[in-house]
């Protein structure tokens, strides 16, 4: 099997962090999205949406979407249980995964597409959409900051896949898109520092 990957993109990094936390080695093959290699006919046959990461199994089955790929490896290697060990943990982690995707990554994506010069060639940018995405991003930062009060981790009392998904998303928002959390989001800042100190953060 192999994983189609691109080092600078946040979604493939989610998978790399997850695999590092699991202690799983994988074969990675770079797809240079800046050169539009993800839009080639051969790659679109693996993922018609053209996105990365994509996990290609030995029988040719292709699985895209970062969380789905992580779920596949969780099923193969259940320990440590990063998707939860009890019904409450499983549901709580899934709740936070959806929140991070819908209320953070999606909103950051709006700012990225409609408010960043690097994506100006891709579509007709609409500044009002970027402004809306920025507003909703900071709304979610307030929610997340409050949820992290007195807690070391987002969903449980230990590291889970929620951390694997949230860290690259926050780094993407802060470092490339230009919507970092604020100084007043002290709980997010402390969480971010703890996550950045883990070996998996550099995966």
Protein backbone atom coordinates (compact mmCIF):
# COMPACT_ATOMS: atom_id res chain seq x y z
CA UNK A 1 0.00 0.00 0.00
CA UNK A 2 1.02 3.62 -0.41
CA UNK A 3 -0.21 7.05 0.64
CA UNK A 4 -0.24 9.91 -1.82
CA UNK A 5 0.99 12.91 0.09
CA UNK A 6 2.20 16.50 -0.14
CA UNK A 7 4.39 17.81 2.65
CA UNK A 8 3.06 21.36 2.94
CA UNK A 9 -0.67 20.55 2.89
CA UNK A 10 -2.60 20.27 6.18
CA UNK A 11 -4.76 17.24 5.37
CA UNK A 12 -1.91 14.83 4.55
CA UNK A 13 -0.15 16.04 7.69
CA UNK A 14 -3.12 14.85 9.73
CA UNK A 15 -2.49 11.31 8.53
CA UNK A 16 1.26 11.52 9.12
CA UNK A 17 0.67 12.69 12.70
CA UNK A 18 -1.88 9.94 13.29
CA UNK A 19 0.43 7.22 11.97
CA UNK A 20 3.32 8.53 14.07
CA UNK A 21 1.17 8.41 17.21
CA UNK A 22 0.21 4.84 16.28
CA UNK A 23 3.80 3.83 15.56
CA UNK A 24 2.90 2.79 12.00
CA UNK A 25 5.32 3.12 9.09
CA UNK A 26 3.90 3.81 5.63
CA UNK A 27 5.13 4.28 2.09
CA UNK A 28 4.49 7.87 0.98
CA UNK A 29 4.49 9.13 -2.59
CA UNK A 30 4.49 12.86 -3.22
CA UNK A 31 1.82 14.43 -5.40
CA UNK A 32 2.82 18.03 -6.09
CA UNK A 33 -0.48 19.85 -5.93
CA UNK A 34 1.23 23.15 -6.79
CA UNK A 35 2.10 21.61 -10.15
CA UNK A 36 -1.50 20.31 -10.43
CA UNK A 37 -0.35 16.68 -10.38
CA UNK A 38 -3.55 15.91 -8.51
CA UNK A 39 -5.48 16.88 -11.65
CA UNK A 40 -3.79 14.35 -13.90
CA UNK A 41 -5.93 11.67 -15.49
CA UNK A 42 -4.12 8.91 -13.61
CA UNK A 43 -4.60 10.57 -10.22
CA UNK A 44 -8.24 11.49 -10.85
CA UNK A 45 -8.83 7.78 -11.44
CA UNK A 46 -7.75 7.27 -7.80
CA UNK A 47 -9.68 10.25 -6.41
CA UNK A 48 -12.08 12.04 -8.79
CA UNK A 49 -12.05 15.08 -6.49
CA UNK A 50 -8.31 15.42 -7.02
CA UNK A 51 -7.52 15.93 -3.34
CA UNK A 52 -4.89 14.44 -1.10
CA UNK A 53 -4.17 12.37 0.89
CA UNK A 54 -5.18 9.14 -0.82
CA UNK A 55 -4.45 5.68 0.52
CA UNK A 56 -4.02 3.08 -2.22
CA UNK A 57 -4.23 -0.53 -1.05
CA UNK A 58 -2.42 -3.43 -2.66
CA UNK A 59 -5.61 -4.54 -4.44
CA UNK A 60 -6.02 -1.10 -6.01
CA UNK A 61 -8.72 0.14 -3.63
CA UNK A 62 -8.30 3.87 -3.01
CA UNK A 63 -9.47 5.65 0.12
CA UNK A 64 -9.41 9.44 0.27
CA UNK A 65 -10.24 11.93 3.04
CA UNK A 66 -7.85 12.17 5.96
CA UNK A 67 -10.23 11.02 8.71
CA UNK A 68 -11.36 8.02 6.65
CA UNK A 69 -7.75 6.97 6.12
CA UNK A 70 -7.12 7.29 9.85
CA UNK A 71 -10.19 5.14 10.57
CA UNK A 72 -8.82 2.44 8.28
CA UNK A 73 -5.55 2.28 10.20
CA UNK A 74 -7.40 2.41 13.53
CA UNK A 75 -9.33 -0.71 12.49
CA UNK A 76 -6.07 -2.48 11.61
CA UNK A 77 -4.20 -1.25 14.69
CA UNK A 78 -6.72 -0.53 17.48
CA UNK A 79 -4.11 0.29 20.13
CA UNK A 80 -3.78 2.98 21.24
CA UNK A 81 -7.49 3.73 20.65
CA UNK A 82 -7.25 7.20 19.13
CA UNK A 83 -10.91 7.10 18.03
CA UNK A 84 -12.07 6.18 21.53
CA UNK A 85 -12.30 3.13 23.80
CA UNK A 86 -15.84 3.52 25.18
CA UNK A 87 -19.15 4.55 23.59
CA UNK A 88 -18.95 7.95 25.26
CA UNK A 89 -15.37 8.49 24.08
CA UNK A 90 -16.19 7.40 20.52
CA UNK A 91 -19.17 9.76 20.32
CA UNK A 92 -17.37 12.68 21.96
CA UNK A 93 -14.35 12.35 19.70
CA UNK A 94 -16.59 12.11 16.64
CA UNK A 95 -18.47 15.21 17.79
CA UNK A 96 -15.24 17.19 17.98
CA UNK A 97 -14.03 15.88 14.64
CA UNK A 98 -17.20 17.19 13.01
CA UNK A 99 -16.87 20.51 14.82
CA UNK A 100 -13.26 20.95 13.73
CA UNK A 101 -14.12 20.12 10.13
CA UNK A 102 -17.35 22.14 9.85
CA UNK A 103 -16.70 25.11 12.12
CA UNK A 104 -12.94 25.54 11.72
CA UNK A 105 -11.45 23.94 8.61
CA UNK A 106 -14.38 24.81 6.35
CA UNK A 107 -14.39 28.44 7.51
CA UNK A 108 -10.62 28.72 7.21
CA UNK A 109 -10.98 27.28 3.72
CA UNK A 110 -13.31 30.13 2.77
CA UNK A 111 -10.66 32.64 3.83
CA UNK A 112 -7.99 30.67 1.99
CA UNK A 113 -9.95 30.57 -1.27
CA UNK A 114 -11.45 34.05 -1.22
CA UNK A 115 -8.90 36.08 0.70
CA UNK A 116 -5.42 34.79 -0.12
CA UNK A 117 -3.30 35.91 -3.06
CA UNK A 118 -1.99 32.36 -3.55
CA UNK A 119 -5.45 31.19 -4.60
CA UNK A 120 -6.44 34.23 -6.63
CA UNK A 121 -5.82 32.35 -9.90
CA UNK A 122 -8.23 29.57 -8.95
CA UNK A 123 -11.53 31.46 -8.86
CA UNK A 124 -13.17 34.87 -8.76
CA UNK A 125 -12.47 35.83 -5.17
CA UNK A 126 -15.27 37.40 -3.15
CA UNK A 127 -13.96 39.41 -0.18
CA UNK A 128 -17.30 39.22 1.63
CA UNK A 129 -17.03 35.42 1.72
CA UNK A 130 -13.51 35.68 3.13
CA UNK A 131 -14.77 38.10 5.77
CA UNK A 132 -17.58 35.71 6.70
CA UNK A 133 -15.12 32.81 7.01
CA UNK A 134 -12.83 34.89 9.19
CA UNK A 135 -15.71 35.89 11.47
CA UNK A 136 -16.88 32.28 11.86
CA UNK A 137 -13.32 31.09 12.50
CA UNK A 138 -12.99 33.42 15.46
CA UNK A 139 -16.42 32.38 16.69
CA UNK A 140 -15.18 28.79 16.84
CA UNK A 141 -11.91 29.82 18.50
CA UNK A 142 -14.01 31.24 21.34
CA UNK A 143 -15.91 27.93 21.62
CA UNK A 144 -12.75 25.82 21.55
CA UNK A 145 -10.94 28.05 24.02
CA UNK A 146 -13.77 27.68 26.52
CA UNK A 147 -13.91 23.89 25.98
CA UNK A 148 -10.19 23.59 26.74
CA UNK A 149 -10.46 25.37 30.07
CA UNK A 150 -8.88 23.08 32.68
CA UNK A 151 -8.24 20.38 30.06
CA UNK A 152 -5.07 19.07 28.42
CA UNK A 153 -6.84 17.55 25.41
CA UNK A 154 -9.88 18.39 23.31
CA UNK A 155 -12.21 15.39 23.52
CA UNK A 156 -10.95 13.11 26.32
CA UNK A 157 -8.43 13.06 29.14
CA UNK A 158 -5.77 11.78 26.72
CA UNK A 159 -4.48 12.31 23.20
CA UNK A 160 -6.93 11.33 20.44
CA UNK A 161 -7.46 11.76 16.72
CA UNK A 162 -9.09 15.12 17.54
CA UNK A 163 -5.58 16.41 18.25
CA UNK A 164 -4.28 14.90 15.00
CA UNK A 165 -6.91 16.80 13.04
CA UNK A 166 -6.91 20.05 15.00
CA UNK A 167 -3.16 20.72 15.08
CA UNK A 168 -2.55 20.88 11.29
CA UNK A 169 -5.77 22.85 10.90
CA UNK A 170 -4.68 25.46 13.44
CA UNK A 171 -1.20 25.66 11.93
CA UNK A 172 -2.67 26.09 8.45
CA UNK A 173 -5.01 28.82 9.68
CA UNK A 174 -2.27 30.64 11.56
CA UNK A 175 0.78 30.26 9.34
CA UNK A 176 -0.61 30.33 5.82
CA UNK A 177 -4.17 31.66 5.80
CA UNK A 178 -3.72 34.48 8.28
CA UNK A 179 -6.44 33.72 10.83
CA UNK A 180 -4.48 32.81 13.97
CA UNK A 181 -6.14 32.47 17.34
CA UNK A 182 -5.78 35.56 19.51
CA UNK A 183 -3.68 36.19 22.59
CA UNK A 184 -6.85 36.06 24.65
CA UNK A 185 -7.35 32.42 23.59
CA UNK A 186 -4.96 31.31 26.31
CA UNK A 187 -6.29 27.76 26.56
CA UNK A 188 -5.83 27.17 22.83
CA UNK A 189 -2.34 28.62 23.07
CA UNK A 190 -1.37 26.28 25.92
CA UNK A 191 -2.88 23.29 24.08
CA UNK A 192 -1.07 24.28 20.88
CA UNK A 193 2.25 24.48 22.68
CA UNK A 194 1.75 21.02 24.21
CA UNK A 195 0.85 19.50 20.85
CA UNK A 196 3.77 21.15 19.08
CA UNK A 197 6.14 19.64 21.63
CA UNK A 198 5.15 16.06 20.70
CA UNK A 199 7.40 14.18 18.30
CA UNK A 200 4.43 13.52 16.01
CA UNK A 201 4.02 17.25 15.31
CA UNK A 202 7.03 17.10 13.03
CA UNK A 203 5.88 14.00 11.16
